[in-house]
C-alpha atoms as a PDB file:
ATOM      1  CA  MET A   1       7.967  65.235 103.365  1.00  0.00           C
ATOM      2  CA  SER A   2       6.577  62.250 105.208  1.00  0.00           C
ATOM      3  CA  ILE A   3       7.899  61.280 108.600  1.00  0.00           C
ATOM      4  CA  ILE A   4       7.137  57.784 109.805  1.00  0.00           C
ATOM      5  CA  SER A   5       8.006  58.234 113.465  1.00  0.00           C
ATOM      6  CA  ALA A   6       9.317  61.312 115.198  1.00  0.00           C
ATOM      7  CA  PRO A   7      10.496  61.234 118.801  1.00  0.00           C
ATOM      8  CA  THR A   8       8.777  63.571 121.209  1.00  0.00           C
ATOM      9  CA  LEU A   9       9.683  65.048 124.559  1.00  0.00           C
ATOM     10  CA  GLY A  10       6.750  66.408 126.493  1.00  0.00           C
ATOM     11  CA  ASN A  11       5.074  68.830 124.120  1.00  0.00           C
ATOM     12  CA  ILE A  12       8.113  69.121 121.851  1.00  0.00           C
ATOM     13  CA  SER A  13       8.315  67.114 118.628  1.00  0.00           C
ATOM     14  CA  PHE A  14      11.742  66.592 117.120  1.00  0.00           C
ATOM     15  CA  ALA A  15      10.377  66.068 113.645  1.00  0.00           C
ATOM     16  CA  THR A  16      12.018  68.480 111.264  1.00  0.00           C
ATOM     17  CA  SER A  17      11.178  69.720 107.845  1.00  0.00           C
ATOM     18  CA  ALA A  18      13.158  71.723 105.344  1.00  0.00           C
ATOM     19  CA  PRO A  19      13.420  75.375 106.384  1.00  0.00           C
ATOM     20  CA  SER A  20      11.818  78.052 104.289  1.00  0.00           C
ATOM     21  CA  PHE A  21      14.327  80.622 103.009  1.00  0.00           C
ATOM     22  CA  LYS A  22      11.778  83.116 101.729  1.00  0.00           C
ATOM     23  CA  GLU A  23      12.582  85.781 104.318  1.00  0.00           C
ATOM     24  CA  PRO A  24      15.231  85.990 107.038  1.00  0.00           C
ATOM     25  CA  ARG A  25      14.213  85.029 110.545  1.00  0.00           C
ATOM     26  CA  THR A  26      14.791  87.509 113.305  1.00  0.00           C
ATOM     27  CA  ALA A  27      14.497  86.987 117.026  1.00  0.00           C
ATOM     28  CA  ASN A  28      11.587  88.756 118.635  1.00  0.00           C
ATOM     29  CA  VAL A  29      10.450  89.463 122.142  1.00  0.00           C
ATOM     30  CA  ASP A  30       7.728  86.791 121.980  1.00  0.00           C
ATOM     31  CA  GLY A  31      10.290  84.018 122.475  1.00  0.00           C
ATOM     32  CA  ASP A  32      10.738  82.775 118.939  1.00  0.00           C
ATOM     33  CA  GLY A  33      13.369  80.102 118.481  1.00  0.00           C
ATOM     34  CA  PHE A  34      15.748  78.497 120.923  1.00  0.00           C
ATOM     35  CA  SER A  35      14.497  80.262 124.046  1.00  0.00           C
ATOM     36  CA  ALA A  36      10.914  79.260 123.225  1.00  0.00           C
ATOM     37  CA  MET A  37      12.032  75.656 122.775  1.00  0.00           C
ATOM     38  CA  LEU A  38      13.785  75.706 126.164  1.00  0.00           C
ATOM     39  CA  LYS A  39      10.728  77.265 127.791  1.00  0.00           C
ATOM     40  CA  THR A  40       8.460  74.606 126.284  1.00  0.00           C
ATOM     41  CA  LEU A  41      10.854  71.864 127.419  1.00  0.00           C
ATOM     42  CA  ALA A  42      10.918  73.226 130.980  1.00  0.00           C
ATOM     43  CA  GLU A  43       7.139  73.603 131.130  1.00  0.00           C
ATOM     44  CA  GLY A  44       6.606  70.094 129.767  1.00  0.00           C
ATOM     45  CA  THR A  45       9.039  68.657 132.311  1.00  0.00           C
ATOM     46  CA  VAL A  46       7.349  70.439 135.212  1.00  0.00           C
ATOM     47  CA  ASN A  47       3.905  69.295 134.021  1.00  0.00           C
ATOM     48  CA  SER A  48       5.147  65.718 133.685  1.00  0.00           C
ATOM     49  CA  ILE A  49       6.608  65.728 137.197  1.00  0.00           C
ATOM     50  CA  GLN A  50       3.423  67.228 138.660  1.00  0.00           C
ATOM     51  CA  ASN A  51       1.353  64.591 136.837  1.00  0.00           C
ATOM     52  CA  GLY A  52       3.593  61.822 138.189  1.00  0.00           C
ATOM     53  CA  GLU A  53       3.313  63.139 141.736  1.00  0.00           C
ATOM     54  CA  SER A  54      -0.462  63.540 141.611  1.00  0.00           C
ATOM     55  CA  THR A  55      -0.913  60.085 140.091  1.00  0.00           C
ATOM     56  CA  ALA A  56       1.318  58.536 142.780  1.00  0.00           C
ATOM     57  CA  ILE A  57      -0.702  60.271 145.514  1.00  0.00           C
ATOM     58  CA  ALA A  58      -3.947  59.066 143.911  1.00  0.00           C
ATOM     59  CA  ALA A  59      -2.560  55.515 143.856  1.00  0.00           C
ATOM     60  CA  ILE A  60      -1.680  55.721 147.552  1.00  0.00           C
ATOM     61  CA  GLN A  61      -5.229  56.895 148.275  1.00  0.00           C
ATOM     62  CA  GLY A  62      -6.621  54.025 146.190  1.00  0.00           C
ATOM     63  CA  LYS A  63      -8.134  56.268 143.524  1.00  0.00           C
ATOM     64  CA  THR A  64      -6.075  54.853 140.648  1.00  0.00           C
ATOM     65  CA  THR A  65      -4.103  51.722 139.841  1.00  0.00           C
ATOM     66  CA  ILE A  66      -0.495  51.154 140.783  1.00  0.00           C
ATOM     67  CA  GLN A  67       0.313  50.525 137.128  1.00  0.00           C
ATOM     68  CA  SER A  68      -0.821  54.006 136.101  1.00  0.00           C
ATOM     69  CA  ALA A  69       1.182  55.522 138.967  1.00  0.00           C
ATOM     70  CA  VAL A  70       4.312  53.660 137.902  1.00  0.00           C
ATOM     71  CA  MET A  71       3.841  54.695 134.266  1.00  0.00           C
ATOM     72  CA  ALA A  72       3.348  58.364 135.201  1.00  0.00           C
ATOM     73  CA  THR A  73       6.368  58.274 137.511  1.00  0.00           C
ATOM     74  CA  MET A  74       8.542  56.668 134.840  1.00  0.00           C
ATOM     75  CA  GLN A  75       7.419  59.262 132.292  1.00  0.00           C
ATOM     76  CA  ALA A  76       8.272  62.044 134.756  1.00  0.00           C
ATOM     77  CA  GLU A  77      11.696  60.507 135.349  1.00  0.00           C
ATOM     78  CA  GLN A  78      12.334  60.249 131.608  1.00  0.00           C
ATOM     79  CA  SER A  79      11.307  63.883 131.079  1.00  0.00           C
ATOM     80  CA  LEU A  80      13.569  65.021 133.904  1.00  0.00           C
ATOM     81  CA  GLN A  81      16.527  63.049 132.529  1.00  0.00           C
ATOM     82  CA  ALA A  82      16.007  64.575 129.091  1.00  0.00           C
ATOM     83  CA  ALA A  83      15.801  68.086 130.546  1.00  0.00           C
ATOM     84  CA  LEU A  84      18.998  67.493 132.509  1.00  0.00           C
ATOM     85  CA  ALA A  85      20.755  66.229 129.382  1.00  0.00           C
ATOM     86  CA  VAL A  86      19.716  69.371 127.483  1.00  0.00           C
ATOM     87  CA  ARG A  87      20.904  71.522 130.379  1.00  0.00           C
ATOM     88  CA  ASP A  88      24.265  69.744 130.414  1.00  0.00           C
ATOM     89  CA  LYS A  89      24.678  70.290 126.664  1.00  0.00           C
ATOM     90  CA  VAL A  90      23.810  73.985 126.961  1.00  0.00           C
ATOM     91  CA  VAL A  91      26.315  74.454 129.790  1.00  0.00           C
ATOM     92  CA  SER A  92      28.945  72.530 127.837  1.00  0.00           C
ATOM     93  CA  ALA A  93      28.364  74.686 124.752  1.00  0.00           C
ATOM     94  CA  PHE A  94      28.573  77.860 126.833  1.00  0.00           C
ATOM     95  CA  LEU A  95      31.863  76.743 128.390  1.00  0.00           C
ATOM     96  CA  GLU A  96      33.244  75.853 124.971  1.00  0.00           C
ATOM     97  CA  ILE A  97      32.310  79.276 123.595  1.00  0.00           C
ATOM     98  CA  SER A  98      33.795  81.026 126.621  1.00  0.00           C
ATOM     99  CA  ARG A  99      37.132  79.265 126.026  1.00  0.00           C
ATOM    100  CA  MET A 100      37.368  80.493 122.443  1.00  0.00           C
ATOM    101  CA  GLN A 101      39.922  83.164 121.771  1.00  0.00           C
ATOM    102  CA  ILE A 102      38.718  86.411 120.320  1.00  0.00           C
END
């Protein structure tokens, strides 16, 4: 399967391929699956924000250009907005599940 362009968020790529049904997947303690994806998303967001802050400080000190500081800050803002959108969807899904009758 060839993918021309796949969106990315931090270190997470949203490119998908057909799942392999050779053996059933089971959750393990190592963080396989959804929790690992959320952990990677959170770590990528934190790294992006830290990079934006350090680049902005370097620009104030004259060690880098204003353009690079603005780009890093905008990337940090975009990562934070994406993380907040994922959080909102997770909370919404949890509330929806909690309203279901058993």
